[in-house]
């Protein structure tokens, strides 16, 4: 578990106007005792467990990118995760982008489930 007093949900931010513009949901966490390689592996497994397919992981850059299309519109939703060194541990940033006209109920909880996997 992170040593910070605040949790993932405290860092969730959303921008855009629902159903009018595209929406971007972001969050982050610091894991003081988890090295970036281990954090990226754990996050990758969590993303797969969430049902994403076509997950692209670049271990050298510490990035994970994937898309899903759940609405039938042909406009994919994109998840990007970046894991980087932070002191002796890792910082994990996650961004979920939706095109205009789409909603994602519970996206903050879902992002936190993925991000918090780094510390488990």
Protein backbone atom coordinates (compact mmCIF):
# COMPACT_ATOMS: atom_id res chain seq x y z
CA UNK A 1 0.00 0.00 0.00
CA UNK A 2 1.21 3.53 -0.66
CA UNK A 3 2.70 5.47 2.20
CA UNK A 4 0.86 8.63 1.23
CA UNK A 5 -2.08 9.74 3.36
CA UNK A 6 -4.26 10.31 0.32
CA UNK A 7 -5.57 7.57 -1.90
CA UNK A 8 -6.04 7.09 -5.59
CA UNK A 9 -9.60 8.45 -5.53
CA UNK A 10 -8.23 11.74 -4.13
CA UNK A 11 -6.24 12.20 -7.35
CA UNK A 12 -8.99 11.46 -9.88
CA UNK A 13 -9.59 14.38 -12.23
CA UNK A 14 -11.98 14.60 -15.17
CA UNK A 15 -12.03 17.14 -17.97
CA UNK A 16 -14.51 17.71 -20.77
CA UNK A 17 -18.28 18.03 -21.00
CA UNK A 18 -20.13 14.69 -20.78
CA UNK A 19 -21.81 13.69 -24.03
CA UNK A 20 -20.74 16.98 -25.69
CA UNK A 21 -16.94 16.86 -25.87
CA UNK A 22 -14.45 14.09 -25.37
CA UNK A 23 -13.77 13.25 -21.72
CA UNK A 24 -10.40 12.59 -20.12
CA UNK A 25 -10.15 10.92 -16.71
CA UNK A 26 -6.79 10.85 -14.91
CA UNK A 27 -5.36 9.62 -11.65
CA UNK A 28 -1.99 8.77 -10.14
CA UNK A 29 -0.35 7.16 -7.13
CA UNK A 30 3.15 6.82 -5.70
CA UNK A 31 4.35 3.45 -4.44
CA UNK A 32 7.51 4.14 -2.40
CA UNK A 33 8.76 0.56 -2.22
CA UNK A 34 7.76 -0.90 -5.61
CA UNK A 35 10.30 -0.76 -8.43
CA UNK A 36 8.98 0.46 -11.80
CA UNK A 37 9.43 -2.89 -13.59
CA UNK A 38 7.39 -4.78 -11.00
CA UNK A 39 4.76 -2.02 -10.94
CA UNK A 40 4.36 -2.14 -14.74
CA UNK A 41 4.00 -5.94 -14.68
CA UNK A 42 1.30 -5.77 -12.01
CA UNK A 43 -0.57 -2.99 -13.81
CA UNK A 44 -0.42 -4.96 -17.07
CA UNK A 45 -2.07 -7.95 -15.42
CA UNK A 46 -4.73 -5.70 -13.86
CA UNK A 47 -5.56 -4.18 -17.26
CA UNK A 48 -5.97 -7.64 -18.75
CA UNK A 49 -8.18 -8.62 -15.80
CA UNK A 50 -10.37 -5.57 -16.55
CA UNK A 51 -11.09 -7.07 -19.97
CA UNK A 52 -8.89 -4.96 -22.22
CA UNK A 53 -7.44 -6.69 -25.27
CA UNK A 54 -4.59 -5.63 -27.54
CA UNK A 55 -2.55 -4.32 -24.63
CA UNK A 56 0.75 -2.81 -25.77
CA UNK A 57 3.49 -2.66 -23.14
CA UNK A 58 6.84 -0.95 -23.65
CA UNK A 59 8.97 -1.96 -20.68
CA UNK A 60 11.85 0.28 -21.72
CA UNK A 61 9.62 3.37 -21.66
CA UNK A 62 7.43 2.13 -18.79
CA UNK A 63 4.23 2.58 -20.78
CA UNK A 64 1.05 0.62 -21.40
CA UNK A 65 -1.49 1.59 -24.05
CA UNK A 66 -4.71 -0.15 -24.99
CA UNK A 67 -8.05 0.62 -26.54
CA UNK A 68 -11.52 -0.82 -26.22
CA UNK A 69 -14.70 -0.22 -28.15
CA UNK A 70 -17.75 -1.06 -26.07
CA UNK A 71 -20.45 1.15 -27.57
CA UNK A 72 -20.69 -0.19 -31.10
CA UNK A 73 -19.89 3.27 -32.47
CA UNK A 74 -16.47 2.32 -33.84
CA UNK A 75 -14.87 5.05 -31.72
CA UNK A 76 -12.47 3.45 -29.26
CA UNK A 77 -11.79 4.46 -25.68
CA UNK A 78 -8.08 4.69 -24.85
CA UNK A 79 -6.26 3.77 -21.65
CA UNK A 80 -2.68 4.92 -21.18
CA UNK A 81 -0.57 4.09 -18.13
CA UNK A 82 2.92 5.42 -17.44
CA UNK A 83 5.11 3.97 -14.70
CA UNK A 84 8.26 5.88 -13.76
CA UNK A 85 10.85 5.91 -11.04
CA UNK A 86 10.05 8.08 -8.05
CA UNK A 87 12.76 8.03 -5.40
CA UNK A 88 13.23 4.37 -4.47
CA UNK A 89 9.77 3.48 -5.73
CA UNK A 90 7.38 4.21 -8.58
CA UNK A 91 4.80 6.70 -9.69
CA UNK A 92 1.90 5.32 -11.74
CA UNK A 93 -0.19 7.70 -13.87
CA UNK A 94 -3.29 6.50 -15.73
CA UNK A 95 -5.39 8.34 -18.31
CA UNK A 96 -8.66 7.10 -19.81
CA UNK A 97 -9.98 9.03 -22.82
CA UNK A 98 -13.48 8.85 -24.27
CA UNK A 99 -14.63 10.33 -27.57
CA UNK A 100 -17.55 12.80 -27.64
CA UNK A 101 -20.93 11.25 -26.98
CA UNK A 102 -19.67 8.47 -24.69
CA UNK A 103 -19.86 8.02 -20.94
CA UNK A 104 -18.00 5.64 -18.65
CA UNK A 105 -19.81 5.20 -15.33
CA UNK A 106 -17.46 4.34 -12.49
CA UNK A 107 -14.35 5.21 -14.47
CA UNK A 108 -12.60 6.64 -11.39
CA UNK A 109 -13.04 3.38 -9.48
CA UNK A 110 -11.86 1.38 -12.49
CA UNK A 111 -8.77 3.53 -12.96
CA UNK A 112 -7.92 3.22 -9.27
CA UNK A 113 -8.28 -0.55 -9.42
CA UNK A 114 -5.69 -0.61 -12.22
CA UNK A 115 -3.33 1.91 -10.57
CA UNK A 116 -3.55 0.33 -7.11
CA UNK A 117 -2.58 -3.04 -8.58
CA UNK A 118 1.00 -1.72 -8.70
CA UNK A 119 1.16 -1.84 -4.91
CA UNK A 120 -0.39 -5.28 -4.44
